[in-house]
Amino acid sequence: MKTRSLVITIGFLIASFLIVLLWFSGSRGTKMKKSLTVGKIDNEGIFVGERNLKVSGESKLDKMNKEIDDSWGNIRLGNQYSKEGQYEKAAEAFSKAYLPRHGEKALAGFKLAETYEKLNRYDDAIIQLKQMIQNRELSELGIQDAKGMISRLLAAKAAQERQGSGQ
């Protein structure tokens, strides 16, 4: 009985020590960290992912945060234009969201390709998706999705060309 009580007491002390250690190590803020993990979920519930951004100075971090915020602002604007059926304006907003180094390139790129598809600009959509694959901006699952979308776009383009030639 004494041994069991002693084991429980030692376990409780070790757990308490670990909690205090974690609390002190986490209370130093981002200035002591070598990287900052960023992840977001957009208004439509699409998981965007995480990126480890190197933190080397406040001004650089501020610039990255602004690029991310601007990228998200353009994605929201593009979503709104798309809902309103203003696809040219949506394409422009998604294109701006895709440009920054630290924005959400994968999401913005897919949204841009989808908008090109709605505009029947199949070649532009295919180029966008192939560029994302080539630049390694996608996960393995993202690459699979992009390849599936490229197949769909090629089929739509072929159907459009057949319809245009009167067949």
N, C-alpha and C. Protein backbone atom coordinates (compact mmCIF):
# COMPACT_ATOMS: atom_id res chain seq x y z
N MET A 1 0.82 -1.19 0.00
CA MET A 1 0.00 0.00 0.00
C MET A 1 0.87 1.26 0.00
N LYS A 2 1.96 1.22 0.84
CA LYS A 2 2.86 2.37 0.89
C LYS A 2 3.56 2.58 -0.45
N THR A 3 3.91 1.49 -1.12
CA THR A 3 4.61 1.58 -2.40
C THR A 3 3.71 2.22 -3.46
N ARG A 4 2.46 1.83 -3.49
CA ARG A 4 1.51 2.39 -4.45
C ARG A 4 1.31 3.89 -4.19
N SER A 5 1.20 4.24 -2.95
CA SER A 5 1.03 5.65 -2.58
C SER A 5 2.26 6.46 -2.96
N LEU A 6 3.43 5.88 -2.78
CA LEU A 6 4.68 6.55 -3.12
C LEU A 6 4.79 6.73 -4.64
N VAL A 7 4.41 5.73 -5.42
CA VAL A 7 4.44 5.82 -6.88
C VAL A 7 3.49 6.91 -7.38
N ILE A 8 2.31 6.97 -6.79
CA ILE A 8 1.33 8.00 -7.18
C ILE A 8 1.86 9.39 -6.84
N THR A 9 2.47 9.54 -5.70
CA THR A 9 3.02 10.84 -5.28
C THR A 9 4.16 11.26 -6.21
N ILE A 10 5.05 10.33 -6.56
CA ILE A 10 6.15 10.65 -7.45
C ILE A 10 5.62 11.01 -8.83
N GLY A 11 4.65 10.28 -9.32
CA GLY A 11 4.03 10.58 -10.61
C GLY A 11 3.40 11.96 -10.61
N PHE A 12 2.74 12.32 -9.53
CA PHE A 12 2.12 13.64 -9.42
C PHE A 12 3.19 14.73 -9.42
N LEU A 13 4.29 14.52 -8.74
CA LEU A 13 5.37 15.51 -8.69
C LEU A 13 6.01 15.69 -10.08
N ILE A 14 6.23 14.59 -10.77
CA ILE A 14 6.82 14.67 -12.11
C ILE A 14 5.88 15.42 -13.05
N ALA A 15 4.59 15.12 -13.01
CA ALA A 15 3.61 15.80 -13.86
C ALA A 15 3.57 17.29 -13.53
N SER A 16 3.60 17.62 -12.26
CA SER A 16 3.59 19.04 -11.86
C SER A 16 4.83 19.75 -12.36
N PHE A 17 5.97 19.10 -12.26
CA PHE A 17 7.22 19.69 -12.74
C PHE A 17 7.16 19.95 -14.23
N LEU A 18 6.65 18.99 -15.00
CA LEU A 18 6.53 19.15 -16.45
C LEU A 18 5.58 20.29 -16.82
N ILE A 19 4.49 20.42 -16.09
CA ILE A 19 3.54 21.51 -16.35
C ILE A 19 4.21 22.86 -16.12
N VAL A 20 4.93 22.99 -15.01
CA VAL A 20 5.62 24.24 -14.70
C VAL A 20 6.69 24.52 -15.76
N LEU A 21 7.42 23.50 -16.17
CA LEU A 21 8.46 23.65 -17.18
C LEU A 21 7.86 24.12 -18.51
N LEU A 22 6.77 23.51 -18.93
CA LEU A 22 6.10 23.92 -20.17
C LEU A 22 5.56 25.34 -20.07
N TRP A 23 5.02 25.70 -18.92
CA TRP A 23 4.47 27.04 -18.75
C TRP A 23 5.57 28.08 -18.88
N PHE A 24 6.73 27.85 -18.25
CA PHE A 24 7.82 28.81 -18.32
C PHE A 24 8.43 28.87 -19.72
N SER A 25 8.55 27.74 -20.39
CA SER A 25 9.14 27.75 -21.73
C SER A 25 8.21 28.41 -22.74
N GLY A 26 6.91 28.36 -22.55
CA GLY A 26 5.96 28.97 -23.46
C GLY A 26 5.71 30.44 -23.19
N SER A 27 6.16 30.96 -22.08
CA SER A 27 5.84 32.33 -21.72
C SER A 27 6.85 33.34 -22.25
N ARG A 28 7.80 32.93 -23.04
CA ARG A 28 8.83 33.85 -23.51
C ARG A 28 8.42 34.62 -24.77
N GLY A 29 7.32 34.24 -25.43
CA GLY A 29 6.85 34.96 -26.61
C GLY A 29 7.58 34.53 -27.86
N THR A 30 7.29 35.19 -28.97
CA THR A 30 7.85 34.80 -30.25
C THR A 30 9.27 35.31 -30.46
N LYS A 31 9.73 36.24 -29.64
CA LYS A 31 11.08 36.75 -29.85
C LYS A 31 12.15 35.68 -29.63
N MET A 32 11.85 34.70 -28.79
CA MET A 32 12.81 33.64 -28.52
C MET A 32 12.66 32.47 -29.51
N LYS A 33 11.60 32.45 -30.27
CA LYS A 33 11.36 31.34 -31.18
C LYS A 33 12.10 31.56 -32.49
N LYS A 34 12.46 30.45 -33.14
CA LYS A 34 13.16 30.52 -34.41
C LYS A 34 12.19 30.46 -35.57
N SER A 35 10.96 30.01 -35.34
CA SER A 35 9.97 29.98 -36.42
C SER A 35 8.59 30.22 -35.84
N LEU A 36 7.70 30.64 -36.70
CA LEU A 36 6.33 30.92 -36.33
C LEU A 36 5.44 30.12 -37.26
N THR A 37 4.51 29.35 -36.71
CA THR A 37 3.62 28.54 -37.52
C THR A 37 2.34 29.31 -37.77
N VAL A 38 1.95 29.36 -39.03
CA VAL A 38 0.77 30.11 -39.44
C VAL A 38 -0.18 29.17 -40.14
N GLY A 39 -1.42 29.19 -39.77
CA GLY A 39 -2.43 28.40 -40.44
C GLY A 39 -3.76 29.10 -40.32
N LYS A 40 -4.62 28.96 -41.32
CA LYS A 40 -5.92 29.61 -41.30
C LYS A 40 -6.96 28.70 -41.92
N ILE A 41 -8.20 29.01 -41.62
CA ILE A 41 -9.33 28.38 -42.27
C ILE A 41 -10.15 29.51 -42.85
N ASP A 42 -10.48 29.44 -44.13
CA ASP A 42 -11.24 30.54 -44.71
C ASP A 42 -12.71 30.41 -44.37
N ASN A 43 -13.51 31.38 -44.78
CA ASN A 43 -14.92 31.44 -44.42
C ASN A 43 -15.72 30.28 -44.95
N GLU A 44 -15.25 29.61 -45.97
CA GLU A 44 -15.98 28.48 -46.52
C GLU A 44 -15.52 27.16 -45.92
N GLY A 45 -14.67 27.18 -44.90
CA GLY A 45 -14.26 25.97 -44.21
C GLY A 45 -13.18 25.18 -44.90
N ILE A 46 -12.41 25.81 -45.78
CA ILE A 46 -11.35 25.11 -46.48
C ILE A 46 -10.07 25.21 -45.66
N PHE A 47 -9.47 24.07 -45.32
CA PHE A 47 -8.22 24.09 -44.57
C PHE A 47 -7.10 24.48 -45.50
N VAL A 48 -6.36 25.48 -45.09
CA VAL A 48 -5.32 26.02 -45.96
C VAL A 48 -3.96 25.42 -45.65
N GLY A 49 -3.65 25.17 -44.41
CA GLY A 49 -2.38 24.54 -44.08
C GLY A 49 -1.51 25.37 -43.19
N GLU A 50 -0.32 24.89 -42.98
CA GLU A 50 0.61 25.55 -42.10
C GLU A 50 1.90 25.83 -42.85
N ARG A 51 2.50 26.91 -42.47
CA ARG A 51 3.81 27.26 -43.00
C ARG A 51 4.68 27.69 -41.84
N ASN A 52 5.91 27.25 -41.83
CA ASN A 52 6.86 27.72 -40.83
C ASN A 52 7.62 28.89 -41.43
N LEU A 53 7.41 30.04 -40.85
CA LEU A 53 8.05 31.25 -41.34
C LEU A 53 9.22 31.59 -40.42
N LYS A 54 10.39 31.81 -40.99
CA LYS A 54 11.55 32.16 -40.19
C LYS A 54 11.38 33.56 -39.65
N VAL A 55 11.65 33.71 -38.36
CA VAL A 55 11.52 35.00 -37.70
C VAL A 55 12.92 35.54 -37.47
N SER A 56 13.30 36.58 -38.18
CA SER A 56 14.63 37.13 -37.99
C SER A 56 14.58 38.60 -37.59
N GLY A 57 13.42 39.19 -37.57
CA GLY A 57 13.31 40.58 -37.15
C GLY A 57 11.86 41.02 -37.22
N GLU A 58 11.51 41.97 -36.41
CA GLU A 58 10.13 42.41 -36.36
C GLU A 58 9.65 42.98 -37.69
N SER A 59 10.48 43.77 -38.36
CA SER A 59 10.03 44.37 -39.61
C SER A 59 9.76 43.31 -40.68
N LYS A 60 10.58 42.28 -40.74
CA LYS A 60 10.36 41.20 -41.70
C LYS A 60 9.09 40.43 -41.36
N LEU A 61 8.88 40.19 -40.07
CA LEU A 61 7.68 39.48 -39.63
C LEU A 61 6.43 40.33 -39.93
N ASP A 62 6.52 41.63 -39.69
CA ASP A 62 5.39 42.52 -39.99
C ASP A 62 5.06 42.48 -41.47
N LYS A 63 6.08 42.48 -42.32
CA LYS A 63 5.86 42.44 -43.77
C LYS A 63 5.19 41.13 -44.17
N MET A 64 5.64 40.01 -43.60
CA MET A 64 5.04 38.72 -43.91
C MET A 64 3.58 38.69 -43.45
N ASN A 65 3.32 39.21 -42.25
CA ASN A 65 1.94 39.23 -41.75
C ASN A 65 1.05 40.08 -42.65
N LYS A 66 1.57 41.21 -43.14
CA LYS A 66 0.79 42.06 -44.03
C LYS A 66 0.50 41.34 -45.35
N GLU A 67 1.51 40.64 -45.89
CA GLU A 67 1.30 39.88 -47.12
C GLU A 67 0.23 38.81 -46.93
N ILE A 68 0.27 38.13 -45.79
CA ILE A 68 -0.72 37.09 -45.50
C ILE A 68 -2.10 37.72 -45.38
N ASP A 69 -2.19 38.82 -44.62
CA ASP A 69 -3.48 39.49 -44.46
C ASP A 69 -4.02 40.00 -45.80
N ASP A 70 -3.14 40.59 -46.61
CA ASP A 70 -3.56 41.07 -47.94
C ASP A 70 -4.04 39.92 -48.81
N SER A 71 -3.31 38.81 -48.74
CA SER A 71 -3.69 37.64 -49.51
C SER A 71 -5.09 37.17 -49.10
N TRP A 72 -5.33 37.08 -47.80
CA TRP A 72 -6.65 36.66 -47.32
C TRP A 72 -7.73 37.67 -47.69
N GLY A 73 -7.40 38.95 -47.65
CA GLY A 73 -8.36 39.97 -48.06
C GLY A 73 -8.77 39.80 -49.51
N ASN A 74 -7.80 39.51 -50.37
CA ASN A 74 -8.09 39.30 -51.79
C ASN A 74 -8.86 38.01 -52.02
N ILE A 75 -8.59 36.98 -51.23
CA ILE A 75 -9.35 35.73 -51.35
C ILE A 75 -10.81 35.99 -50.97
N ARG A 76 -11.04 36.72 -49.87
CA ARG A 76 -12.41 37.04 -49.47
C ARG A 76 -13.11 37.88 -50.55
N LEU A 77 -12.39 38.85 -51.10
CA LEU A 77 -12.95 39.68 -52.16
C LEU A 77 -13.29 38.84 -53.39
N GLY A 78 -12.37 37.95 -53.77
CA GLY A 78 -12.62 37.05 -54.90
C GLY A 78 -13.82 36.15 -54.65
N ASN A 79 -13.96 35.65 -53.42
CA ASN A 79 -15.13 34.82 -53.08
C ASN A 79 -16.42 35.61 -53.26
N GLN A 80 -16.40 36.87 -52.80
CA GLN A 80 -17.59 37.70 -52.92
C GLN A 80 -17.95 37.96 -54.38
N TYR A 81 -16.94 38.33 -55.17
CA TYR A 81 -17.19 38.56 -56.60
C TYR A 81 -17.71 37.30 -57.28
N SER A 82 -17.15 36.17 -56.92
CA SER A 82 -17.57 34.90 -57.52
C SER A 82 -19.02 34.60 -57.17
N LYS A 83 -19.42 34.84 -55.93
CA LYS A 83 -20.81 34.61 -55.52
C LYS A 83 -21.76 35.52 -56.29
N GLU A 84 -21.28 36.70 -56.65
CA GLU A 84 -22.10 37.67 -57.39
C GLU A 84 -22.06 37.42 -58.90
N GLY A 85 -21.26 36.43 -59.34
CA GLY A 85 -21.15 36.13 -60.76
C GLY A 85 -20.23 37.07 -61.52
N GLN A 86 -19.46 37.87 -60.81
CA GLN A 86 -18.51 38.80 -61.44
C GLN A 86 -17.14 38.10 -61.54
N TYR A 87 -17.04 37.17 -62.48
CA TYR A 87 -15.88 36.30 -62.54
C TYR A 87 -14.59 36.99 -62.98
N GLU A 88 -14.67 38.01 -63.82
CA GLU A 88 -13.46 38.74 -64.22
C GLU A 88 -12.84 39.42 -63.00
N LYS A 89 -13.69 40.06 -62.18
CA LYS A 89 -13.21 40.72 -60.97
C LYS A 89 -12.70 39.68 -59.96
N ALA A 90 -13.38 38.54 -59.89
CA ALA A 90 -12.94 37.47 -58.99
C ALA A 90 -11.56 36.97 -59.42
N ALA A 91 -11.36 36.78 -60.72
CA ALA A 91 -10.06 36.32 -61.22
C ALA A 91 -8.96 37.32 -60.86
N GLU A 92 -9.26 38.60 -60.99
CA GLU A 92 -8.28 39.63 -60.65
C GLU A 92 -7.92 39.58 -59.16
N ALA A 93 -8.92 39.42 -58.30
CA ALA A 93 -8.67 39.35 -56.85
C ALA A 93 -7.88 38.10 -56.49
N PHE A 94 -8.25 36.95 -57.05
CA PHE A 94 -7.52 35.71 -56.76
C PHE A 94 -6.09 35.78 -57.29
N SER A 95 -5.90 36.44 -58.42
CA SER A 95 -4.56 36.61 -58.98
C SER A 95 -3.69 37.44 -58.03
N LYS A 96 -4.27 38.50 -57.45
CA LYS A 96 -3.53 39.31 -56.47
C LYS A 96 -3.22 38.50 -55.22
N ALA A 97 -4.13 37.63 -54.81
CA ALA A 97 -3.91 36.80 -53.62
C ALA A 97 -2.81 35.79 -53.87
N TYR A 98 -2.63 35.38 -55.11
CA TYR A 98 -1.64 34.36 -55.46
C TYR A 98 -0.22 34.93 -55.51
N LEU A 99 -0.07 36.21 -55.75
CA LEU A 99 1.24 36.81 -55.98
C LEU A 99 2.19 36.86 -54.78
N PRO A 100 1.76 37.21 -53.56
CA PRO A 100 2.73 37.38 -52.47
C PRO A 100 3.49 36.09 -52.15
N ARG A 101 4.72 36.27 -51.68
CA ARG A 101 5.55 35.12 -51.30
C ARG A 101 4.95 34.37 -50.13
N HIS A 102 4.36 35.09 -49.18
CA HIS A 102 3.92 34.46 -47.93
C HIS A 102 2.40 34.36 -47.82
N GLY A 103 1.69 34.56 -48.91
CA GLY A 103 0.24 34.42 -48.88
C GLY A 103 -0.17 32.96 -48.99
N GLU A 104 -1.41 32.74 -49.16
CA GLU A 104 -1.94 31.38 -49.27
C GLU A 104 -2.01 31.00 -50.75
N LYS A 105 -0.85 30.69 -51.32
CA LYS A 105 -0.74 30.47 -52.76
C LYS A 105 -1.57 29.29 -53.25
N ALA A 106 -1.60 28.21 -52.52
CA ALA A 106 -2.34 27.02 -52.99
C ALA A 106 -3.82 27.33 -53.10
N LEU A 107 -4.40 27.90 -52.07
CA LEU A 107 -5.82 28.21 -52.10
C LEU A 107 -6.13 29.25 -53.18
N ALA A 108 -5.34 30.32 -53.23
CA ALA A 108 -5.57 31.36 -54.22
C ALA A 108 -5.41 30.81 -55.63
N GLY A 109 -4.42 29.95 -55.84
CA GLY A 109 -4.20 29.36 -57.16
C GLY A 109 -5.35 28.47 -57.60
N PHE A 110 -5.88 27.65 -56.69
CA PHE A 110 -7.03 26.81 -57.03
C PHE A 110 -8.26 27.66 -57.32
N LYS A 111 -8.47 28.67 -56.51
CA LYS A 111 -9.63 29.55 -56.72
C LYS A 111 -9.51 30.27 -58.07
N LEU A 112 -8.29 30.69 -58.41
CA LEU A 112 -8.06 31.35 -59.69
C LEU A 112 -8.35 30.39 -60.85
N ALA A 113 -7.87 29.16 -60.75
CA ALA A 113 -8.12 28.17 -61.80
C ALA A 113 -9.62 27.88 -61.93
N GLU A 114 -10.32 27.77 -60.80
CA GLU A 114 -11.77 27.54 -60.85
C GLU A 114 -12.50 28.71 -61.52
N THR A 115 -12.03 29.91 -61.24
CA THR A 115 -12.65 31.09 -61.84
C THR A 115 -12.39 31.13 -63.35
N TYR A 116 -11.16 30.80 -63.75
CA TYR A 116 -10.87 30.71 -65.19
C TYR A 116 -11.79 29.69 -65.86
N GLU A 117 -12.05 28.59 -65.16
CA GLU A 117 -12.94 27.58 -65.72
C GLU A 117 -14.34 28.16 -65.92
N LYS A 118 -14.85 28.92 -64.97
CA LYS A 118 -16.17 29.53 -65.10
C LYS A 118 -16.22 30.52 -66.26
N LEU A 119 -15.07 31.11 -66.58
CA LEU A 119 -14.98 32.05 -67.69
C LEU A 119 -14.67 31.36 -69.02
N ASN A 120 -14.62 30.01 -68.99
CA ASN A 120 -14.27 29.21 -70.17
C ASN A 120 -12.85 29.51 -70.66
N ARG A 121 -11.99 29.95 -69.76
CA ARG A 121 -10.59 30.21 -70.08
C ARG A 121 -9.79 28.98 -69.65
N TYR A 122 -10.04 27.87 -70.33
CA TYR A 122 -9.48 26.58 -69.94
C TYR A 122 -7.96 26.56 -70.00
N ASP A 123 -7.38 27.17 -71.02
CA ASP A 123 -5.91 27.18 -71.14
C ASP A 123 -5.27 27.91 -69.96
N ASP A 124 -5.86 29.05 -69.57
CA ASP A 124 -5.33 29.80 -68.42
C ASP A 124 -5.40 28.98 -67.14
N ALA A 125 -6.51 28.26 -66.96
CA ALA A 125 -6.68 27.43 -65.77
C ALA A 125 -5.65 26.30 -65.75
N ILE A 126 -5.45 25.67 -66.89
CA ILE A 126 -4.48 24.57 -66.98
C ILE A 126 -3.06 25.08 -66.71
N ILE A 127 -2.72 26.22 -67.29
CA ILE A 127 -1.39 26.81 -67.05
C ILE A 127 -1.21 27.11 -65.57
N GLN A 128 -2.24 27.67 -64.92
CA GLN A 128 -2.17 27.99 -63.50
C GLN A 128 -1.88 26.74 -62.67
N LEU A 129 -2.63 25.68 -62.92
CA LEU A 129 -2.47 24.44 -62.15
C LEU A 129 -1.11 23.80 -62.40
N LYS A 130 -0.67 23.78 -63.65
CA LYS A 130 0.64 23.20 -63.97
C LYS A 130 1.77 24.01 -63.31
N GLN A 131 1.61 25.32 -63.28
CA GLN A 131 2.61 26.18 -62.63
C GLN A 131 2.70 25.87 -61.13
N MET A 132 1.56 25.66 -60.50
CA MET A 132 1.55 25.35 -59.07
C MET A 132 2.23 24.01 -58.80
N ILE A 133 2.00 23.04 -59.68
CA ILE A 133 2.66 21.74 -59.52
C ILE A 133 4.16 21.89 -59.73
N GLN A 134 4.55 22.58 -60.79
CA GLN A 134 5.97 22.76 -61.11
C GLN A 134 6.71 23.52 -60.01
N ASN A 135 6.07 24.52 -59.42
CA ASN A 135 6.70 25.33 -58.38
C ASN A 135 6.64 24.69 -56.99
N ARG A 136 6.09 23.48 -56.93
CA ARG A 136 5.99 22.71 -55.68
C ARG A 136 5.21 23.47 -54.59
N GLU A 137 4.11 24.05 -55.02
CA GLU A 137 3.27 24.81 -54.08
C GLU A 137 2.15 23.97 -53.49
N LEU A 138 2.08 22.70 -53.88
CA LEU A 138 0.99 21.84 -53.47
C LEU A 138 1.49 20.61 -52.72
N SER A 139 0.66 20.12 -51.83
CA SER A 139 0.93 18.85 -51.17
C SER A 139 0.65 17.72 -52.16
N GLU A 140 0.91 16.50 -51.77
CA GLU A 140 0.61 15.36 -52.65
C GLU A 140 -0.88 15.31 -52.98
N LEU A 141 -1.72 15.55 -51.98
CA LEU A 141 -3.16 15.57 -52.21
C LEU A 141 -3.54 16.72 -53.13
N GLY A 142 -2.90 17.87 -52.96
CA GLY A 142 -3.15 19.01 -53.83
C GLY A 142 -2.76 18.73 -55.27
N ILE A 143 -1.66 18.00 -55.45
CA ILE A 143 -1.23 17.62 -56.80
C ILE A 143 -2.27 16.70 -57.44
N GLN A 144 -2.78 15.75 -56.67
CA GLN A 144 -3.82 14.86 -57.19
C GLN A 144 -5.06 15.66 -57.60
N ASP A 145 -5.46 16.60 -56.75
CA ASP A 145 -6.63 17.44 -57.06
C ASP A 145 -6.38 18.26 -58.32
N ALA A 146 -5.18 18.83 -58.44
CA ALA A 146 -4.84 19.65 -59.61
C ALA A 146 -4.87 18.80 -60.88
N LYS A 147 -4.31 17.59 -60.82
CA LYS A 147 -4.32 16.72 -62.00
C LYS A 147 -5.74 16.32 -62.39
N GLY A 148 -6.59 16.07 -61.41
CA GLY A 148 -7.99 15.76 -61.70
C GLY A 148 -8.69 16.94 -62.35
N MET A 149 -8.39 18.14 -61.85
CA MET A 149 -9.00 19.33 -62.42
C MET A 149 -8.48 19.58 -63.84
N ILE A 150 -7.20 19.33 -64.08
CA ILE A 150 -6.63 19.47 -65.43
C ILE A 150 -7.35 18.53 -66.40
N SER A 151 -7.60 17.29 -65.99
CA SER A 151 -8.32 16.34 -66.84
C SER A 151 -9.71 16.86 -67.17
N ARG A 152 -10.40 17.39 -66.16
CA ARG A 152 -11.73 17.94 -66.36
C ARG A 152 -11.69 19.13 -67.32
N LEU A 153 -10.67 19.99 -67.17
CA LEU A 153 -10.54 21.17 -68.03
C LEU A 153 -10.24 20.77 -69.47
N LEU A 154 -9.39 19.78 -69.65
CA LEU A 154 -9.09 19.31 -71.01
C LEU A 154 -10.33 18.76 -71.69
N ALA A 155 -11.16 18.03 -70.93
CA ALA A 155 -12.40 17.49 -71.49
C ALA A 155 -13.36 18.62 -71.85
N ALA A 156 -13.47 19.62 -71.00
CA ALA A 156 -14.36 20.76 -71.28
C ALA A 156 -13.86 21.54 -72.49
N LYS A 157 -12.55 21.69 -72.60
CA LYS A 157 -11.97 22.41 -73.75
C LYS A 157 -12.25 21.65 -75.04
N ALA A 158 -12.09 20.33 -75.00
CA ALA A 158 -12.35 19.51 -76.19
C ALA A 158 -13.82 19.60 -76.58
N ALA A 159 -14.72 19.57 -75.59
CA ALA A 159 -16.14 19.67 -75.89
C ALA A 159 -16.47 21.04 -76.49
N GLN A 160 -15.85 22.07 -75.98
CA GLN A 160 -16.07 23.43 -76.50
C GLN A 160 -15.58 23.53 -77.95
N GLU A 161 -14.44 22.91 -78.22
CA GLU A 161 -13.88 22.96 -79.58
C GLU A 161 -14.76 22.17 -80.56
N ARG A 162 -15.31 21.01 -80.10
CA ARG A 162 -16.21 20.23 -80.95
C ARG A 162 -17.48 21.02 -81.25
N GLN A 163 -17.98 21.70 -80.23
CA GLN A 163 -19.20 22.50 -80.38
C GLN A 163 -18.96 23.67 -81.33
N GLY A 164 -17.78 24.27 -81.21
CA GLY A 164 -17.42 25.39 -82.07
C GLY A 164 -17.25 25.00 -83.51
N SER A 165 -16.82 23.75 -83.76
CA SER A 165 -16.62 23.30 -85.15
C SER A 165 -17.89 22.70 -85.73
N GLY A 166 -18.97 22.64 -84.93
CA GLY A 166 -20.25 22.18 -85.42
C GLY A 166 -20.44 20.68 -85.40
N GLN A 167 -19.63 19.94 -84.68
CA GLN A 167 -19.75 18.48 -84.64
C GLN A 167 -20.70 18.04 -83.57
